[in-house]
C-alpha atoms as a PDB file:
ATOM      1  CA  UNK A   1     -24.888 -34.626  10.595  1.00  0.00           C
ATOM      2  CA  UNK A   2     -26.839 -32.110  13.118  1.00  0.00           C
ATOM      3  CA  UNK A   3     -30.219 -30.799  11.853  1.00  0.00           C
ATOM      4  CA  UNK A   4     -30.784 -27.645  10.654  1.00  0.00           C
ATOM      5  CA  UNK A   5     -33.963 -25.555  10.216  1.00  0.00           C
ATOM      6  CA  UNK A   6     -32.601 -21.841   9.646  1.00  0.00           C
ATOM      7  CA  UNK A   7     -34.109 -19.503   6.527  1.00  0.00           C
ATOM      8  CA  UNK A   8     -32.591 -16.267   5.650  1.00  0.00           C
ATOM      9  CA  UNK A   9     -33.487 -13.740   3.203  1.00  0.00           C
ATOM     10  CA  UNK A  10     -30.768 -11.805   2.034  1.00  0.00           C
ATOM     11  CA  UNK A  11     -30.750  -8.577   0.526  1.00  0.00           C
ATOM     12  CA  UNK A  12     -27.381  -7.019  -1.683  1.00  0.00           C
ATOM     13  CA  UNK A  13     -27.487  -3.790  -4.606  1.00  0.00           C
ATOM     14  CA  UNK A  14     -24.753  -3.201  -7.703  1.00  0.00           C
ATOM     15  CA  UNK A  15     -22.276  -0.843  -6.744  1.00  0.00           C
ATOM     16  CA  UNK A  16     -23.686   2.572  -6.123  1.00  0.00           C
ATOM     17  CA  UNK A  17     -27.021   0.729  -6.852  1.00  0.00           C
ATOM     18  CA  UNK A  18     -26.457   1.230 -10.405  1.00  0.00           C
ATOM     19  CA  UNK A  19     -29.011  -0.870 -13.272  1.00  0.00           C
ATOM     20  CA  UNK A  20     -26.391  -3.062 -14.421  1.00  0.00           C
ATOM     21  CA  UNK A  21     -28.632  -6.255 -13.582  1.00  0.00           C
ATOM     22  CA  UNK A  22     -29.769  -6.288 -17.887  1.00  0.00           C
ATOM     23  CA  UNK A  23     -32.512  -8.241 -18.573  1.00  0.00           C
ATOM     24  CA  UNK A  24     -30.634 -10.342 -21.239  1.00  0.00           C
ATOM     25  CA  UNK A  25     -28.126 -11.678 -18.476  1.00  0.00           C
ATOM     26  CA  UNK A  26     -30.885 -11.485 -15.221  1.00  0.00           C
ATOM     27  CA  UNK A  27     -31.311 -15.091 -14.696  1.00  0.00           C
ATOM     28  CA  UNK A  28     -27.593 -16.787 -15.934  1.00  0.00           C
ATOM     29  CA  UNK A  29     -26.585 -14.486 -12.854  1.00  0.00           C
ATOM     30  CA  UNK A  30     -29.080 -15.933 -10.630  1.00  0.00           C
ATOM     31  CA  UNK A  31     -28.562 -18.973 -12.080  1.00  0.00           C
ATOM     32  CA  UNK A  32     -24.756 -18.705 -10.578  1.00  0.00           C
ATOM     33  CA  UNK A  33     -25.237 -17.087  -7.382  1.00  0.00           C
ATOM     34  CA  UNK A  34     -28.034 -20.823  -6.512  1.00  0.00           C
ATOM     35  CA  UNK A  35     -25.449 -22.545  -8.568  1.00  0.00           C
ATOM     36  CA  UNK A  36     -22.538 -20.928  -5.806  1.00  0.00           C
ATOM     37  CA  UNK A  37     -24.618 -21.059  -2.705  1.00  0.00           C
ATOM     38  CA  UNK A  38     -25.544 -25.167  -3.170  1.00  0.00           C
ATOM     39  CA  UNK A  39     -21.655 -25.832  -3.673  1.00  0.00           C
ATOM     40  CA  UNK A  40     -20.952 -23.923   0.071  1.00  0.00           C
ATOM     41  CA  UNK A  41     -24.285 -26.380   1.241  1.00  0.00           C
ATOM     42  CA  UNK A  42     -27.180 -23.637   1.565  1.00  0.00           C
ATOM     43  CA  UNK A  43     -31.135 -24.670   0.584  1.00  0.00           C
ATOM     44  CA  UNK A  44     -32.100 -22.555  -1.949  1.00  0.00           C
ATOM     45  CA  UNK A  45     -35.804 -20.925  -1.898  1.00  0.00           C
ATOM     46  CA  UNK A  46     -35.405 -17.727  -4.267  1.00  0.00           C
ATOM     47  CA  UNK A  47     -33.784 -15.322  -6.282  1.00  0.00           C
ATOM     48  CA  UNK A  48     -34.976 -12.042  -7.363  1.00  0.00           C
ATOM     49  CA  UNK A  49     -34.478  -9.356  -7.910  1.00  0.00           C
ATOM     50  CA  UNK A  50     -34.597  -5.978 -10.652  1.00  0.00           C
ATOM     51  CA  UNK A  51     -31.629  -3.612 -12.576  1.00  0.00           C
ATOM     52  CA  UNK A  52     -29.292  -3.106  -9.341  1.00  0.00           C
ATOM     53  CA  UNK A  53     -30.575  -5.333  -6.905  1.00  0.00           C
ATOM     54  CA  UNK A  54     -30.926  -9.012  -5.723  1.00  0.00           C
ATOM     55  CA  UNK A  55     -32.299 -10.990  -3.953  1.00  0.00           C
ATOM     56  CA  UNK A  56     -31.051 -14.647  -2.512  1.00  0.00           C
ATOM     57  CA  UNK A  57     -33.931 -16.901  -0.211  1.00  0.00           C
ATOM     58  CA  UNK A  58     -31.613 -20.136   1.739  1.00  0.00           C
ATOM     59  CA  UNK A  59     -30.993 -22.106   4.837  1.00  0.00           C
ATOM     60  CA  UNK A  60     -27.745 -22.076   5.409  1.00  0.00           C
ATOM     61  CA  UNK A  61     -26.051 -24.735   7.786  1.00  0.00           C
ATOM     62  CA  UNK A  62     -24.658 -23.736  10.722  1.00  0.00           C
ATOM     63  CA  UNK A  63     -21.379 -24.632  10.177  1.00  0.00           C
ATOM     64  CA  UNK A  64     -20.599 -21.693   7.836  1.00  0.00           C
ATOM     65  CA  UNK A  65     -20.533 -18.116   8.702  1.00  0.00           C
ATOM     66  CA  UNK A  66     -23.119 -15.462   6.969  1.00  0.00           C
ATOM     67  CA  UNK A  67     -20.813 -13.433   6.611  1.00  0.00           C
ATOM     68  CA  UNK A  68     -18.256 -16.048   4.670  1.00  0.00           C
ATOM     69  CA  UNK A  69     -21.294 -17.573   2.492  1.00  0.00           C
ATOM     70  CA  UNK A  70     -22.690 -13.802   1.223  1.00  0.00           C
ATOM     71  CA  UNK A  71     -18.858 -13.455   0.561  1.00  0.00           C
ATOM     72  CA  UNK A  72     -18.498 -15.873  -1.245  1.00  0.00           C
ATOM     73  CA  UNK A  73     -22.198 -16.274  -3.327  1.00  0.00           C
ATOM     74  CA  UNK A  74     -20.931 -11.971  -4.110  1.00  0.00           C
ATOM     75  CA  UNK A  75     -17.682 -12.853  -5.513  1.00  0.00           C
ATOM     76  CA  UNK A  76     -18.339 -15.060  -7.084  1.00  0.00           C
ATOM     77  CA  UNK A  77     -21.471 -13.624  -8.821  1.00  0.00           C
ATOM     78  CA  UNK A  78     -19.550 -10.793  -9.961  1.00  0.00           C
ATOM     79  CA  UNK A  79     -16.663 -13.147 -11.276  1.00  0.00           C
ATOM     80  CA  UNK A  80     -19.260 -14.275 -13.214  1.00  0.00           C
ATOM     81  CA  UNK A  81     -20.193 -11.250 -14.909  1.00  0.00           C
ATOM     82  CA  UNK A  82     -16.997 -10.108 -15.384  1.00  0.00           C
ATOM     83  CA  UNK A  83     -15.427 -12.894 -16.226  1.00  0.00           C
ATOM     84  CA  UNK A  84     -17.207 -15.170 -18.597  1.00  0.00           C
ATOM     85  CA  UNK A  85     -20.018 -12.728 -19.385  1.00  0.00           C
ATOM     86  CA  UNK A  86     -19.364 -10.269 -22.421  1.00  0.00           C
ATOM     87  CA  UNK A  87     -21.619  -7.542 -21.537  1.00  0.00           C
ATOM     88  CA  UNK A  88     -19.066  -4.582 -21.505  1.00  0.00           C
ATOM     89  CA  UNK A  89     -19.118  -3.391 -18.005  1.00  0.00           C
ATOM     90  CA  UNK A  90     -17.729  -3.710 -14.909  1.00  0.00           C
ATOM     91  CA  UNK A  91     -19.807  -5.632 -12.250  1.00  0.00           C
ATOM     92  CA  UNK A  92     -19.456  -4.409  -8.860  1.00  0.00           C
ATOM     93  CA  UNK A  93     -21.267  -4.763  -5.997  1.00  0.00           C
ATOM     94  CA  UNK A  94     -21.581  -2.954  -3.169  1.00  0.00           C
ATOM     95  CA  UNK A  95     -19.292  -3.970  -0.043  1.00  0.00           C
ATOM     96  CA  UNK A  96     -22.934  -3.636   2.632  1.00  0.00           C
ATOM     97  CA  UNK A  97     -25.298  -6.485   2.479  1.00  0.00           C
ATOM     98  CA  UNK A  98     -28.352  -6.562   4.839  1.00  0.00           C
ATOM     99  CA  UNK A  99     -29.885  -9.850   6.044  1.00  0.00           C
ATOM    100  CA  UNK A 100     -32.937 -10.845   8.139  1.00  0.00           C
ATOM    101  CA  UNK A 101     -34.317 -13.968  10.120  1.00  0.00           C
ATOM    102  CA  UNK A 102     -37.649 -15.505   9.585  1.00  0.00           C
ATOM    103  CA  UNK A 103     -39.534 -18.555  10.591  1.00  0.00           C
ATOM    104  CA  UNK A 104     -40.628 -21.276   8.382  1.00  0.00           C
ATOM    105  CA  UNK A 105     -44.113 -20.056   8.518  1.00  0.00           C
ATOM    106  CA  UNK A 106     -43.346 -16.861   7.066  1.00  0.00           C
ATOM    107  CA  UNK A 107     -40.762 -18.956   3.587  1.00  0.00           C
ATOM    108  CA  UNK A 108     -44.035 -19.254   1.077  1.00  0.00           C
ATOM    109  CA  UNK A 109     -44.938 -15.312   2.235  1.00  0.00           C
ATOM    110  CA  UNK A 110     -41.220 -14.238   1.444  1.00  0.00           C
ATOM    111  CA  UNK A 111     -40.289 -16.503  -1.540  1.00  0.00           C
ATOM    112  CA  UNK A 112     -43.518 -14.865  -3.098  1.00  0.00           C
ATOM    113  CA  UNK A 113     -41.804 -11.515  -2.072  1.00  0.00           C
ATOM    114  CA  UNK A 114     -38.589 -12.682  -3.921  1.00  0.00           C
ATOM    115  CA  UNK A 115     -39.488 -14.625  -7.114  1.00  0.00           C
ATOM    116  CA  UNK A 116     -41.895 -10.886  -7.879  1.00  0.00           C
ATOM    117  CA  UNK A 117     -39.426  -8.587  -7.746  1.00  0.00           C
ATOM    118  CA  UNK A 118     -40.193  -6.636 -10.853  1.00  0.00           C
ATOM    119  CA  UNK A 119     -44.509  -6.480  -9.739  1.00  0.00           C
ATOM    120  CA  UNK A 120     -43.801  -4.670  -6.413  1.00  0.00           C
ATOM    121  CA  UNK A 121     -40.610  -2.274  -7.251  1.00  0.00           C
ATOM    122  CA  UNK A 122     -42.879  -0.953 -10.549  1.00  0.00           C
ATOM    123  CA  UNK A 123     -46.162  -1.429  -8.158  1.00  0.00           C
ATOM    124  CA  UNK A 124     -44.630   0.846  -5.232  1.00  0.00           C
ATOM    125  CA  UNK A 125     -45.560  -1.814  -3.183  1.00  0.00           C
ATOM    126  CA  UNK A 126     -41.724  -3.164  -1.402  1.00  0.00           C
ATOM    127  CA  UNK A 127     -41.164  -4.344   1.997  1.00  0.00           C
ATOM    128  CA  UNK A 128     -39.074  -2.160   4.154  1.00  0.00           C
ATOM    129  CA  UNK A 129     -37.224  -4.850   5.970  1.00  0.00           C
ATOM    130  CA  UNK A 130     -36.334  -7.244   3.063  1.00  0.00           C
ATOM    131  CA  UNK A 131     -35.651  -4.347   1.601  1.00  0.00           C
ATOM    132  CA  UNK A 132     -32.645  -2.895   3.451  1.00  0.00           C
ATOM    133  CA  UNK A 133     -29.191  -3.732   3.132  1.00  0.00           C
ATOM    134  CA  UNK A 134     -28.031  -1.239   5.486  1.00  0.00           C
ATOM    135  CA  UNK A 135     -29.960  -0.318   9.491  1.00  0.00           C
ATOM    136  CA  UNK A 136     -31.153   2.841   9.873  1.00  0.00           C
ATOM    137  CA  UNK A 137     -29.674   5.255  11.076  1.00  0.00           C
ATOM    138  CA  UNK A 138     -30.593   5.446  15.633  1.00  0.00           C
ATOM    139  CA  UNK A 139     -30.962   8.701  17.201  1.00  0.00           C
END
């Protein structure tokens, strides 16, 4: 196996950013996302989020395209909510996602940010770059 050391922060939201993720099953959703990422060969550093979006901090091996990786994680987790949990809603993710890469020296900061999503959003101290799902309009 080749040596690789790649760090990515993904973020994506629920369909129309609806507050669909309930606290009662949020951890189960995060665990399913982490399990699928691991199955795809990624190293999961953190999963977090709030009612309308999630964050995933991972090291994805270069053998899998990032779009393929996130498509499978999103698809598997959506299937889990709709077919394994009986939550009484039609759950879906938005089509878009955001991803940024970062260096290993920032790993602790990004992991801490991801794990403390509720506090960051409640206190209004989010990091814009780590919350972006769609690119900024160019003028």
